[in-house]
Amino acid sequence: MNVCIIPARAGSKGIEGKNIKPIAGQPLIAHSILFALNSQLFEDIFVLTDDQRIAEIAKTYGADIPYLRSSENATDTASTESVINEFVDWCTKERKDYKSITLLQPTSPLRKEKTLRDILSSMKDHDSALTVVETHAFFWSESALGNPKATYDIFNRPRRQDIKQSDVKFKETGSIYSFKLQGYKKHKNRLFGKIALVKSDEVESYEIDTETDFTVLEALMREENDQ
């Protein structure tokens, strides 16, 4: 028994009404709902929101609304874990005995079914899993003394083809997470125990935070649909 949850609050510091703003012909949140529905991999698909308008749109596209999120779990400072905690408490109250929970972030509307199948398959022998994308970026950090420091040897800058597999870095996409319900109750964190890194294509790692992101993602989504 697997359940999909999609958190979507009304407020957004960057873009007003972001979760229901149209992109590629549909509200942003609709893309995650339809992705989950079309996969036919979940017993239930819930949108966790504090907003009645989002709730009505979500129901129109086939998701269920178990409850409206509490005000404390719908602020700018509320963590995703606090939203999951509220959902897990609801599951306990309603005696919903799901084996695992899969979290889809609505701000990552471009996903591939293979990635979802890979992450759910990894849960057979892992406690939690997340999507990542390989990165060959060179990172720097600033110190309190104002002297920047590289995370690599600047005198021996490695070429991409020379990087050993053990030195390859992966960036968390924030798109898909999956975790076992009983383990979450113990750890109160979406990642715990034996964790699986599920590699996704770079195009799946784009997130929407700004108006420019909407333009870029819409172009990418149309391009993917044309293939």
Protein backbone atom coordinates (compact mmCIF):
# COMPACT_ATOMS: atom_id res chain seq x y z
CA MET A 1 0.00 0.00 0.00
CA ASN A 2 1.70 3.15 -1.25
CA VAL A 3 0.38 6.67 -0.89
CA CYS A 4 1.40 9.85 -2.70
CA ILE A 5 1.30 13.24 -0.99
CA ILE A 6 1.67 16.62 -2.69
CA PRO A 7 2.11 19.58 -0.33
CA ALA A 8 0.77 22.87 -1.70
CA ARG A 9 0.11 25.88 0.48
CA ALA A 10 -1.53 29.10 -0.63
CA GLY A 11 1.22 31.51 0.34
CA SER A 12 4.41 32.07 -1.65
CA LYS A 13 7.05 34.70 -1.07
CA GLY A 14 8.19 34.72 -4.68
CA ILE A 15 5.12 34.18 -6.86
CA GLU A 16 1.54 34.83 -5.80
CA GLY A 17 -0.67 31.80 -6.28
CA LYS A 18 2.29 29.80 -7.58
CA ASN A 19 0.78 26.35 -7.11
CA ILE A 20 -2.24 27.11 -9.29
CA LYS A 21 -0.54 29.40 -11.79
CA PRO A 22 -0.95 28.00 -15.34
CA ILE A 23 1.99 26.33 -17.01
CA ALA A 24 1.82 24.34 -20.26
CA GLY A 25 -1.94 24.74 -20.25
CA GLN A 26 -2.70 23.53 -16.73
CA PRO A 27 -2.31 24.73 -13.12
CA LEU A 28 1.15 23.95 -11.79
CA ILE A 29 -0.13 21.49 -9.19
CA ALA A 30 -2.11 19.59 -11.83
CA HIS A 31 1.08 18.26 -13.42
CA SER A 32 2.13 16.44 -10.23
CA ILE A 33 -1.39 15.08 -9.66
CA LEU A 34 -1.69 13.76 -13.21
CA PHE A 35 1.83 12.32 -13.06
CA ALA A 36 0.90 10.33 -9.95
CA LEU A 37 -2.47 9.25 -11.34
CA ASN A 38 -1.12 8.17 -14.72
CA SER A 39 1.56 6.04 -13.08
CA GLN A 40 -1.14 3.85 -11.45
CA LEU A 41 1.34 3.11 -8.67
CA PHE A 42 -0.51 4.61 -5.71
CA GLU A 43 -3.51 3.51 -3.72
CA ASP A 44 -4.29 7.12 -2.79
CA ILE A 45 -3.12 10.55 -3.94
CA PHE A 46 -3.54 13.39 -1.47
CA VAL A 47 -2.91 17.10 -1.85
CA LEU A 48 -2.04 18.66 1.49
CA THR A 49 -3.11 22.28 1.40
CA ASP A 50 -4.44 25.07 3.58
CA ASP A 51 -6.35 26.71 0.75
CA GLN A 52 -9.87 25.92 -0.42
CA ARG A 53 -9.18 27.11 -3.96
CA ILE A 54 -6.18 24.80 -4.32
CA ALA A 55 -8.29 22.01 -2.82
CA GLU A 56 -11.04 22.45 -5.40
CA ILE A 57 -8.58 22.51 -8.31
CA ALA A 58 -6.80 19.44 -6.93
CA LYS A 59 -10.07 17.52 -6.67
CA THR A 60 -10.94 18.52 -10.23
CA TYR A 61 -7.76 16.82 -11.43
CA GLY A 62 -8.38 13.66 -9.41
CA ALA A 63 -6.60 14.12 -6.07
CA ASP A 64 -8.20 13.77 -2.65
CA ILE A 65 -8.06 16.34 0.16
CA PRO A 66 -7.91 14.55 3.53
CA TYR A 67 -8.17 17.80 5.52
CA LEU A 68 -7.05 21.43 5.32
CA ARG A 69 -3.60 21.98 6.75
CA SER A 70 -3.36 23.75 10.09
CA SER A 71 -2.34 27.42 10.03
CA GLU A 72 1.01 26.66 11.73
CA ASN A 73 1.84 24.20 8.95
CA ALA A 74 1.10 26.71 6.19
CA THR A 75 3.53 29.51 7.05
CA ASP A 76 6.75 30.51 5.28
CA THR A 77 8.73 28.94 8.12
CA ALA A 78 6.84 25.64 8.30
CA SER A 79 9.04 22.70 7.34
CA THR A 80 8.01 19.93 5.00
CA GLU A 81 8.51 17.53 7.90
CA SER A 82 5.87 19.40 9.92
CA VAL A 83 3.44 18.86 7.04
CA ILE A 84 4.35 15.16 6.89
CA ASN A 85 3.93 14.88 10.67
CA GLU A 86 0.41 16.21 10.39
CA PHE A 87 -0.36 13.70 7.63
CA VAL A 88 1.13 10.78 9.58
CA ASP A 89 -0.99 11.75 12.60
CA TRP A 90 -4.04 11.72 10.33
CA CYS A 91 -3.07 8.28 9.01
CA THR A 92 -2.89 6.97 12.58
CA LYS A 93 -6.24 8.49 13.47
CA GLU A 94 -7.90 7.14 10.33
CA ARG A 95 -6.13 3.76 10.63
CA LYS A 96 -4.49 4.15 7.23
CA ASP A 97 -1.78 1.51 7.25
CA TYR A 98 0.32 2.59 4.28
CA LYS A 99 3.64 0.83 3.78
CA SER A 100 5.38 3.82 2.23
CA ILE A 101 4.80 7.49 1.46
CA THR A 102 5.98 9.18 -1.72
CA LEU A 103 6.30 12.96 -1.67
CA LEU A 104 6.04 14.95 -4.90
CA GLN A 105 6.96 18.63 -4.77
CA PRO A 106 4.59 20.57 -7.07
CA THR A 107 7.37 23.02 -7.95
CA SER A 108 9.10 20.26 -9.95
CA PRO A 109 6.52 19.59 -12.67
CA LEU A 110 8.81 17.85 -15.16
CA ARG A 111 9.31 14.19 -14.24
CA LYS A 112 9.67 10.87 -16.04
CA GLU A 113 7.75 7.75 -15.12
CA LYS A 114 10.93 5.67 -15.15
CA THR A 115 12.34 7.82 -12.35
CA LEU A 116 9.27 7.21 -10.21
CA ARG A 117 9.36 3.49 -10.91
CA ASP A 118 13.06 3.42 -10.04
CA ILE A 119 12.53 5.18 -6.73
CA LEU A 120 9.65 2.89 -5.74
CA SER A 121 11.64 -0.16 -6.80
CA SER A 122 14.54 0.99 -4.61
CA MET A 123 12.21 0.94 -1.60
CA LYS A 124 12.19 -2.86 -1.69
CA ASP A 125 15.57 -2.89 0.06
CA HIS A 126 15.90 0.67 1.37
CA ASP A 127 14.21 2.66 4.11
CA SER A 128 14.03 5.92 2.19
CA ALA A 129 14.99 7.32 -1.19
CA LEU A 130 15.37 10.58 -3.07
CA THR A 131 15.99 11.77 -6.61
CA VAL A 132 19.36 13.29 -7.44
CA VAL A 133 21.16 14.57 -10.48
CA GLU A 134 24.86 14.21 -11.18
CA THR A 135 26.82 17.45 -11.03
CA HIS A 136 30.35 18.30 -12.09
CA ALA A 137 30.24 21.84 -10.74
CA PHE A 138 33.19 23.26 -8.84
CA PHE A 139 32.08 24.59 -5.45
CA TRP A 140 33.57 27.31 -3.27
CA SER A 141 32.84 28.52 0.24
CA GLU A 142 33.64 31.75 2.07
CA SER A 143 35.29 31.78 5.46
CA ALA A 144 34.75 34.20 8.34
CA LEU A 145 38.10 35.76 7.41
CA GLY A 146 36.86 36.52 3.91
CA ASN A 147 39.24 34.09 2.26
CA PRO A 148 37.31 31.87 -0.21
CA LYS A 149 38.15 28.19 -0.30
CA ALA A 150 37.57 25.68 -3.10
CA THR A 151 36.30 22.18 -2.51
CA TYR A 152 38.80 20.90 -5.08
CA ASP A 153 42.52 21.29 -5.77
CA ILE A 154 42.74 24.52 -7.77
CA PHE A 155 46.25 23.59 -8.95
CA ASN A 156 45.02 20.27 -10.34
CA ARG A 157 41.63 21.10 -11.77
CA PRO A 158 40.11 17.75 -12.78
CA ARG A 159 38.59 17.23 -16.20
CA ARG A 160 35.10 15.77 -16.21
CA GLN A 161 36.24 12.56 -17.88
CA ASP A 162 38.98 12.12 -15.28
CA ILE A 163 36.74 12.31 -12.22
CA LYS A 164 36.60 8.95 -10.46
CA GLN A 165 33.14 7.50 -9.87
CA SER A 166 33.78 7.60 -6.13
CA ASP A 167 34.35 11.37 -6.38
CA VAL A 168 31.23 12.16 -8.42
CA LYS A 169 28.84 14.48 -6.60
CA PHE A 170 25.05 14.39 -6.73
CA LYS A 171 22.63 17.27 -6.19
CA GLU A 172 19.31 16.67 -4.46
CA THR A 173 16.57 17.63 -6.91
CA GLY A 174 13.79 18.10 -4.36
CA SER A 175 11.37 16.49 -6.81
CA ILE A 176 10.58 13.02 -5.41
CA TYR A 177 11.12 11.45 -1.99
CA SER A 178 9.90 8.09 -0.76
CA PHE A 179 10.06 6.64 2.75
CA LYS A 180 8.55 3.91 4.87
CA LEU A 181 5.77 5.07 7.15
CA GLN A 182 6.80 3.15 10.24
CA GLY A 183 10.39 4.35 9.96
CA TYR A 184 9.21 7.94 9.60
CA LYS A 185 7.26 7.67 12.85
CA LYS A 186 10.52 6.84 14.61
CA HIS A 187 12.88 9.29 12.91
CA LYS A 188 10.52 12.20 12.11
CA ASN A 189 12.55 12.85 8.97
CA ARG A 190 11.91 11.95 5.33
CA LEU A 191 15.42 10.48 4.96
CA PHE A 192 16.60 7.81 7.37
CA GLY A 193 18.08 4.34 7.63
CA LYS A 194 19.37 2.84 4.40
CA ILE A 195 18.99 5.64 1.83
CA ALA A 196 18.83 5.16 -1.94
CA LEU A 197 20.03 7.82 -4.37
CA VAL A 198 17.93 7.56 -7.52
CA LYS A 199 19.58 9.28 -10.46
CA SER A 200 17.32 11.34 -12.70
CA ASP A 201 17.90 13.26 -15.90
CA GLU A 202 19.07 16.85 -15.56
CA VAL A 203 15.85 18.14 -17.10
CA GLU A 204 13.94 16.70 -14.13
CA SER A 205 15.95 18.76 -11.64
CA TYR A 206 14.54 22.16 -12.62
CA GLU A 207 12.40 23.82 -9.95
CA ILE A 208 10.06 26.79 -10.07
CA ASP A 209 10.96 29.62 -7.70
CA THR A 210 10.72 32.68 -9.96
CA GLU A 211 8.69 33.96 -12.90
CA THR A 212 11.66 33.21 -15.15
CA ASP A 213 11.54 29.58 -14.00
CA PHE A 214 7.97 29.36 -15.26
CA THR A 215 9.09 30.46 -18.71
CA VAL A 216 12.05 28.07 -18.79
CA LEU A 217 10.09 25.07 -17.46
CA GLU A 218 7.20 25.65 -19.84
CA ALA A 219 9.59 25.59 -22.81
CA LEU A 220 11.23 22.40 -21.52
CA MET A 221 7.88 20.72 -20.89
CA ARG A 222 6.66 21.49 -24.40
CA GLU A 223 9.92 20.20 -25.83
CA GLU A 224 9.61 16.95 -23.85
CA ASN A 225 6.02 16.48 -25.00
CA ASP A 226 7.03 16.95 -28.62
CA GLN A 227 9.59 14.15 -28.47
